[in-house]
Amino acid sequence: MKCRAYRCSMRVLDATVNARCVSVGDFYLSPLVAPQSLLNEFPRTFLSVGDLDPLYDDAIAFASRLAKTHASSRIVFRVRKDLPHGYLHFGFRGGHSGCRAAVSQAGEWIRDVLTTEAEA
């Protein structure tokens, strides 16, 4: 049996590389349209979006949907000023300082989650 991540990856690959038509309601491609029952099962989640990202509105809508779940206290949402889509890739090798700060904060969050989980 293949895991959800694999199925999601294959759908994204099919949609982009093979230019296949994809259903607008496919939540493997857009978690924004995921059923509420699935969102209720989400683990701790860190969302970060640049305010220049074309998916900015979708990120806000998704964060809002997650905030309405029973796991809302496990959601961290950050908006990065003046950063575009894919900004996490710009923080390396002397890149943009805002990008480096975002990468650092995401790393700290991951470290905190792993430390908390290990102690539990």
N, C-alpha and C. Protein backbone atom coordinates (compact mmCIF):
# COMPACT_ATOMS: atom_id res chain seq x y z
N MET A 1 0.84 -1.18 0.00
CA MET A 1 0.00 0.00 0.00
C MET A 1 0.89 1.25 0.00
N LYS A 2 0.58 2.18 -0.85
CA LYS A 2 1.37 3.40 -0.96
C LYS A 2 0.83 4.47 -0.03
N CYS A 3 1.72 5.22 0.57
CA CYS A 3 1.33 6.25 1.54
C CYS A 3 0.74 7.47 0.84
N ARG A 4 0.08 8.33 1.64
CA ARG A 4 -0.53 9.56 1.11
C ARG A 4 0.50 10.47 0.45
N ALA A 5 1.67 10.57 1.05
CA ALA A 5 2.69 11.46 0.49
C ALA A 5 3.09 11.01 -0.91
N TYR A 6 3.20 9.71 -1.10
CA TYR A 6 3.55 9.19 -2.43
C TYR A 6 2.44 9.51 -3.42
N ARG A 7 1.19 9.26 -3.04
CA ARG A 7 0.08 9.54 -3.94
C ARG A 7 0.03 11.03 -4.29
N CYS A 8 0.25 11.87 -3.29
CA CYS A 8 0.26 13.31 -3.51
C CYS A 8 1.38 13.69 -4.49
N SER A 9 2.56 13.16 -4.26
CA SER A 9 3.71 13.45 -5.13
C SER A 9 3.42 13.03 -6.57
N MET A 10 2.82 11.88 -6.73
CA MET A 10 2.52 11.39 -8.07
C MET A 10 1.48 12.27 -8.76
N ARG A 11 0.50 12.76 -8.02
CA ARG A 11 -0.51 13.64 -8.62
C ARG A 11 0.10 14.97 -9.05
N VAL A 12 0.97 15.51 -8.21
CA VAL A 12 1.64 16.75 -8.57
C VAL A 12 2.50 16.52 -9.81
N LEU A 13 3.24 15.41 -9.85
CA LEU A 13 4.07 15.09 -11.00
C LEU A 13 3.21 14.96 -12.26
N ASP A 14 2.11 14.24 -12.16
CA ASP A 14 1.23 14.09 -13.32
C ASP A 14 0.67 15.44 -13.78
N ALA A 15 0.31 16.27 -12.82
CA ALA A 15 -0.30 17.56 -13.16
C ALA A 15 0.69 18.52 -13.81
N THR A 16 1.95 18.43 -13.41
CA THR A 16 2.92 19.39 -13.93
C THR A 16 3.71 18.85 -15.11
N VAL A 17 4.31 17.70 -14.97
CA VAL A 17 5.15 17.17 -16.03
C VAL A 17 4.33 16.65 -17.20
N ASN A 18 3.29 15.93 -16.90
CA ASN A 18 2.50 15.33 -17.96
C ASN A 18 1.33 16.19 -18.40
N ALA A 19 1.14 17.33 -17.74
CA ALA A 19 0.09 18.29 -18.08
C ALA A 19 -1.28 17.64 -18.18
N ARG A 20 -1.56 16.73 -17.26
CA ARG A 20 -2.88 16.09 -17.24
C ARG A 20 -3.87 17.01 -16.55
N CYS A 21 -5.12 16.86 -16.93
CA CYS A 21 -6.18 17.64 -16.31
C CYS A 21 -6.43 17.09 -14.90
N VAL A 22 -6.47 17.96 -13.92
CA VAL A 22 -6.64 17.56 -12.54
C VAL A 22 -7.91 18.20 -11.99
N SER A 23 -8.63 17.44 -11.20
CA SER A 23 -9.85 17.94 -10.59
C SER A 23 -9.53 19.11 -9.66
N VAL A 24 -10.34 20.15 -9.71
CA VAL A 24 -10.16 21.31 -8.86
C VAL A 24 -10.31 20.92 -7.39
N GLY A 25 -11.08 19.89 -7.11
CA GLY A 25 -11.33 19.47 -5.74
C GLY A 25 -10.34 18.44 -5.23
N ASP A 26 -9.20 18.27 -5.88
CA ASP A 26 -8.21 17.27 -5.48
C ASP A 26 -7.37 17.80 -4.32
N PHE A 27 -7.66 17.34 -3.11
CA PHE A 27 -6.96 17.88 -1.94
C PHE A 27 -5.54 17.36 -1.81
N TYR A 28 -5.15 16.39 -2.62
CA TYR A 28 -3.74 16.00 -2.64
C TYR A 28 -2.90 17.09 -3.31
N LEU A 29 -3.52 17.89 -4.17
CA LEU A 29 -2.83 19.01 -4.81
C LEU A 29 -3.04 20.31 -4.07
N SER A 30 -4.17 20.46 -3.44
CA SER A 30 -4.45 21.68 -2.70
C SER A 30 -5.12 21.33 -1.38
N PRO A 31 -4.37 21.38 -0.29
CA PRO A 31 -4.98 21.05 1.01
C PRO A 31 -6.09 22.03 1.38
N LEU A 32 -6.17 23.15 0.69
CA LEU A 32 -7.22 24.12 0.95
C LEU A 32 -8.61 23.51 0.77
N VAL A 33 -8.74 22.54 -0.14
CA VAL A 33 -10.05 21.93 -0.40
C VAL A 33 -10.23 20.60 0.32
N ALA A 34 -9.35 20.29 1.25
CA ALA A 34 -9.46 19.03 2.00
C ALA A 34 -10.71 19.04 2.85
N PRO A 35 -11.32 17.87 3.04
CA PRO A 35 -12.50 17.81 3.90
C PRO A 35 -12.13 18.15 5.35
N GLN A 36 -13.07 18.73 6.07
CA GLN A 36 -12.82 19.13 7.45
C GLN A 36 -12.40 17.94 8.31
N SER A 37 -12.93 16.77 8.02
CA SER A 37 -12.57 15.58 8.80
C SER A 37 -11.07 15.28 8.69
N LEU A 38 -10.49 15.53 7.54
CA LEU A 38 -9.05 15.32 7.36
C LEU A 38 -8.26 16.41 8.10
N LEU A 39 -8.73 17.63 8.02
CA LEU A 39 -8.03 18.73 8.71
C LEU A 39 -8.03 18.51 10.22
N ASN A 40 -9.07 17.90 10.74
CA ASN A 40 -9.13 17.61 12.18
C ASN A 40 -8.02 16.65 12.62
N GLU A 41 -7.47 15.90 11.69
CA GLU A 41 -6.41 14.94 12.00
C GLU A 41 -5.01 15.49 11.78
N PHE A 42 -4.91 16.75 11.34
CA PHE A 42 -3.60 17.32 11.05
C PHE A 42 -2.71 17.33 12.29
N PRO A 43 -1.44 17.06 12.09
CA PRO A 43 -0.49 17.17 13.21
C PRO A 43 -0.12 18.64 13.43
N ARG A 44 0.82 18.88 14.29
CA ARG A 44 1.33 20.24 14.45
C ARG A 44 1.73 20.76 13.07
N THR A 45 1.39 22.00 12.81
CA THR A 45 1.60 22.52 11.47
C THR A 45 2.21 23.91 11.53
N PHE A 46 3.24 24.13 10.73
CA PHE A 46 3.90 25.43 10.59
C PHE A 46 3.66 25.89 9.17
N LEU A 47 2.94 27.00 9.01
CA LEU A 47 2.68 27.57 7.69
C LEU A 47 3.39 28.91 7.60
N SER A 48 4.08 29.12 6.51
CA SER A 48 4.79 30.37 6.30
C SER A 48 4.60 30.77 4.84
N VAL A 49 4.21 32.02 4.62
CA VAL A 49 3.95 32.48 3.26
C VAL A 49 4.47 33.91 3.12
N GLY A 50 5.03 34.19 1.96
CA GLY A 50 5.44 35.55 1.66
C GLY A 50 4.24 36.37 1.21
N ASP A 51 4.22 37.64 1.56
CA ASP A 51 3.07 38.46 1.17
C ASP A 51 3.05 38.80 -0.31
N LEU A 52 4.11 38.43 -1.04
CA LEU A 52 4.14 38.62 -2.50
C LEU A 52 3.86 37.32 -3.25
N ASP A 53 3.57 36.27 -2.52
CA ASP A 53 3.31 34.94 -3.09
C ASP A 53 1.95 34.94 -3.79
N PRO A 54 1.86 34.41 -5.02
CA PRO A 54 0.55 34.34 -5.68
C PRO A 54 -0.42 33.41 -4.93
N LEU A 55 0.10 32.57 -4.05
CA LEU A 55 -0.74 31.68 -3.26
C LEU A 55 -1.02 32.24 -1.85
N TYR A 56 -0.73 33.50 -1.67
CA TYR A 56 -0.92 34.17 -0.37
C TYR A 56 -2.35 34.02 0.15
N ASP A 57 -3.34 34.33 -0.68
CA ASP A 57 -4.74 34.24 -0.25
C ASP A 57 -5.12 32.81 0.11
N ASP A 58 -4.63 31.85 -0.67
CA ASP A 58 -4.91 30.44 -0.38
C ASP A 58 -4.28 30.03 0.95
N ALA A 59 -3.08 30.51 1.23
CA ALA A 59 -2.42 30.19 2.50
C ALA A 59 -3.21 30.74 3.68
N ILE A 60 -3.71 31.94 3.55
CA ILE A 60 -4.51 32.53 4.62
C ILE A 60 -5.81 31.75 4.81
N ALA A 61 -6.44 31.38 3.72
CA ALA A 61 -7.69 30.61 3.80
C ALA A 61 -7.44 29.24 4.44
N PHE A 62 -6.32 28.61 4.07
CA PHE A 62 -6.00 27.30 4.64
C PHE A 62 -5.71 27.43 6.13
N ALA A 63 -4.94 28.42 6.51
CA ALA A 63 -4.64 28.64 7.93
C ALA A 63 -5.93 28.89 8.71
N SER A 64 -6.84 29.61 8.11
CA SER A 64 -8.13 29.89 8.76
C SER A 64 -8.92 28.60 8.96
N ARG A 65 -8.92 27.74 7.95
CA ARG A 65 -9.62 26.45 8.08
C ARG A 65 -8.98 25.59 9.16
N LEU A 66 -7.65 25.57 9.21
CA LEU A 66 -6.97 24.79 10.25
C LEU A 66 -7.27 25.35 11.64
N ALA A 67 -7.37 26.66 11.75
CA ALA A 67 -7.64 27.29 13.03
C ALA A 67 -9.02 26.91 13.58
N LYS A 68 -9.90 26.45 12.73
CA LYS A 68 -11.25 26.07 13.16
C LYS A 68 -11.32 24.61 13.61
N THR A 69 -10.20 23.91 13.57
CA THR A 69 -10.19 22.50 13.99
C THR A 69 -9.89 22.39 15.47
N HIS A 70 -10.02 21.20 15.98
CA HIS A 70 -9.71 20.97 17.40
C HIS A 70 -8.21 21.08 17.66
N ALA A 71 -7.43 21.08 16.62
CA ALA A 71 -5.97 21.16 16.77
C ALA A 71 -5.46 22.59 16.56
N SER A 72 -6.33 23.57 16.70
CA SER A 72 -5.94 24.96 16.38
C SER A 72 -4.77 25.45 17.21
N SER A 73 -4.60 24.95 18.41
CA SER A 73 -3.47 25.39 19.23
C SER A 73 -2.14 24.83 18.72
N ARG A 74 -2.22 23.92 17.76
CA ARG A 74 -1.01 23.30 17.22
C ARG A 74 -0.61 23.90 15.87
N ILE A 75 -1.22 25.03 15.53
CA ILE A 75 -0.97 25.67 14.24
C ILE A 75 -0.15 26.94 14.45
N VAL A 76 0.93 27.10 13.68
CA VAL A 76 1.71 28.33 13.68
C VAL A 76 1.65 28.87 12.25
N PHE A 77 1.25 30.13 12.12
CA PHE A 77 1.14 30.75 10.80
C PHE A 77 1.92 32.05 10.78
N ARG A 78 2.80 32.19 9.80
CA ARG A 78 3.64 33.38 9.68
C ARG A 78 3.51 33.96 8.26
N VAL A 79 3.35 35.27 8.19
CA VAL A 79 3.37 35.98 6.91
C VAL A 79 4.68 36.74 6.86
N ARG A 80 5.42 36.56 5.77
CA ARG A 80 6.73 37.18 5.59
C ARG A 80 6.60 38.38 4.66
N LYS A 81 6.97 39.54 5.17
CA LYS A 81 6.86 40.78 4.40
C LYS A 81 7.86 40.81 3.24
N ASP A 82 7.35 41.22 2.09
CA ASP A 82 8.15 41.43 0.87
C ASP A 82 8.85 40.18 0.35
N LEU A 83 8.30 39.00 0.60
CA LEU A 83 8.92 37.78 0.09
C LEU A 83 7.99 37.08 -0.90
N PRO A 84 8.57 36.54 -1.99
CA PRO A 84 7.78 35.89 -3.04
C PRO A 84 7.58 34.40 -2.76
N HIS A 85 6.90 33.74 -3.66
CA HIS A 85 6.75 32.29 -3.61
C HIS A 85 8.13 31.63 -3.71
N GLY A 86 8.34 30.60 -2.96
CA GLY A 86 9.62 29.89 -3.01
C GLY A 86 10.75 30.58 -2.28
N TYR A 87 10.42 31.54 -1.42
CA TYR A 87 11.46 32.33 -0.77
C TYR A 87 12.40 31.51 0.10
N LEU A 88 11.97 30.35 0.55
CA LEU A 88 12.85 29.53 1.39
C LEU A 88 14.15 29.17 0.66
N HIS A 89 14.09 29.14 -0.65
CA HIS A 89 15.29 28.80 -1.44
C HIS A 89 16.25 29.97 -1.58
N PHE A 90 15.81 31.16 -1.23
CA PHE A 90 16.65 32.34 -1.39
C PHE A 90 17.51 32.65 -0.17
N GLY A 91 17.36 31.88 0.88
CA GLY A 91 18.06 32.18 2.12
C GLY A 91 19.44 31.57 2.22
N PHE A 92 19.83 30.80 1.25
CA PHE A 92 21.11 30.11 1.31
C PHE A 92 22.19 30.86 0.55
N ARG A 93 23.42 30.61 0.92
CA ARG A 93 24.58 31.17 0.23
C ARG A 93 24.54 32.69 0.16
N GLY A 94 24.32 33.31 1.31
CA GLY A 94 24.36 34.77 1.37
C GLY A 94 23.16 35.45 0.79
N GLY A 95 22.03 34.75 0.72
CA GLY A 95 20.82 35.31 0.13
C GLY A 95 20.15 36.36 0.99
N HIS A 96 18.94 36.65 0.67
CA HIS A 96 18.12 37.68 1.31
C HIS A 96 18.00 37.42 2.82
N SER A 97 18.21 38.45 3.63
CA SER A 97 18.20 38.28 5.09
C SER A 97 16.83 37.86 5.62
N GLY A 98 15.75 38.34 5.00
CA GLY A 98 14.42 37.93 5.41
C GLY A 98 14.20 36.44 5.18
N CYS A 99 14.77 35.94 4.10
CA CYS A 99 14.67 34.51 3.80
C CYS A 99 15.46 33.71 4.83
N ARG A 100 16.65 34.16 5.14
CA ARG A 100 17.47 33.45 6.14
C ARG A 100 16.76 33.42 7.49
N ALA A 101 16.12 34.52 7.87
CA ALA A 101 15.41 34.58 9.13
C ALA A 101 14.23 33.61 9.12
N ALA A 102 13.52 33.51 8.01
CA ALA A 102 12.38 32.59 7.91
C ALA A 102 12.84 31.14 8.01
N VAL A 103 13.93 30.82 7.33
CA VAL A 103 14.47 29.46 7.39
C VAL A 103 14.90 29.14 8.81
N SER A 104 15.53 30.09 9.47
CA SER A 104 15.98 29.89 10.84
C SER A 104 14.80 29.65 11.77
N GLN A 105 13.75 30.44 11.62
CA GLN A 105 12.58 30.28 12.49
C GLN A 105 11.90 28.94 12.24
N ALA A 106 11.79 28.53 10.99
CA ALA A 106 11.19 27.23 10.69
C ALA A 106 12.03 26.11 11.31
N GLY A 107 13.35 26.23 11.21
CA GLY A 107 14.24 25.24 11.82
C GLY A 107 14.08 25.17 13.32
N GLU A 108 13.93 26.32 13.97
CA GLU A 108 13.73 26.35 15.42
C GLU A 108 12.41 25.68 15.79
N TRP A 109 11.36 25.92 14.99
CA TRP A 109 10.07 25.30 15.25
C TRP A 109 10.17 23.78 15.13
N ILE A 110 10.84 23.31 14.08
CA ILE A 110 11.02 21.86 13.89
C ILE A 110 11.79 21.27 15.06
N ARG A 111 12.85 21.94 15.47
CA ARG A 111 13.66 21.47 16.61
C ARG A 111 12.80 21.39 17.87
N ASP A 112 11.98 22.41 18.11
CA ASP A 112 11.12 22.42 19.30
C ASP A 112 10.11 21.26 19.26
N VAL A 113 9.53 21.04 18.10
CA VAL A 113 8.56 19.94 17.96
C VAL A 113 9.23 18.60 18.22
N LEU A 114 10.40 18.38 17.61
CA LEU A 114 11.09 17.11 17.79
C LEU A 114 11.53 16.92 19.25
N THR A 115 11.96 17.98 19.88
CA THR A 115 12.39 17.89 21.28
C THR A 115 11.19 17.57 22.17
N THR A 116 10.06 18.25 21.94
CA THR A 116 8.86 18.02 22.73
C THR A 116 8.35 16.61 22.54
N GLU A 117 8.35 16.13 21.29
CA GLU A 117 7.88 14.78 21.01
C GLU A 117 8.79 13.74 21.65
N ALA A 118 10.09 13.99 21.64
CA ALA A 118 11.03 13.05 22.23
C ALA A 118 10.89 12.97 23.75
N GLU A 119 10.52 14.10 24.38
CA GLU A 119 10.36 14.13 25.81
C GLU A 119 9.04 13.52 26.27
N ALA A 120 8.07 13.45 25.37
CA ALA A 120 6.73 12.94 25.73
C ALA A 120 6.70 11.43 25.87
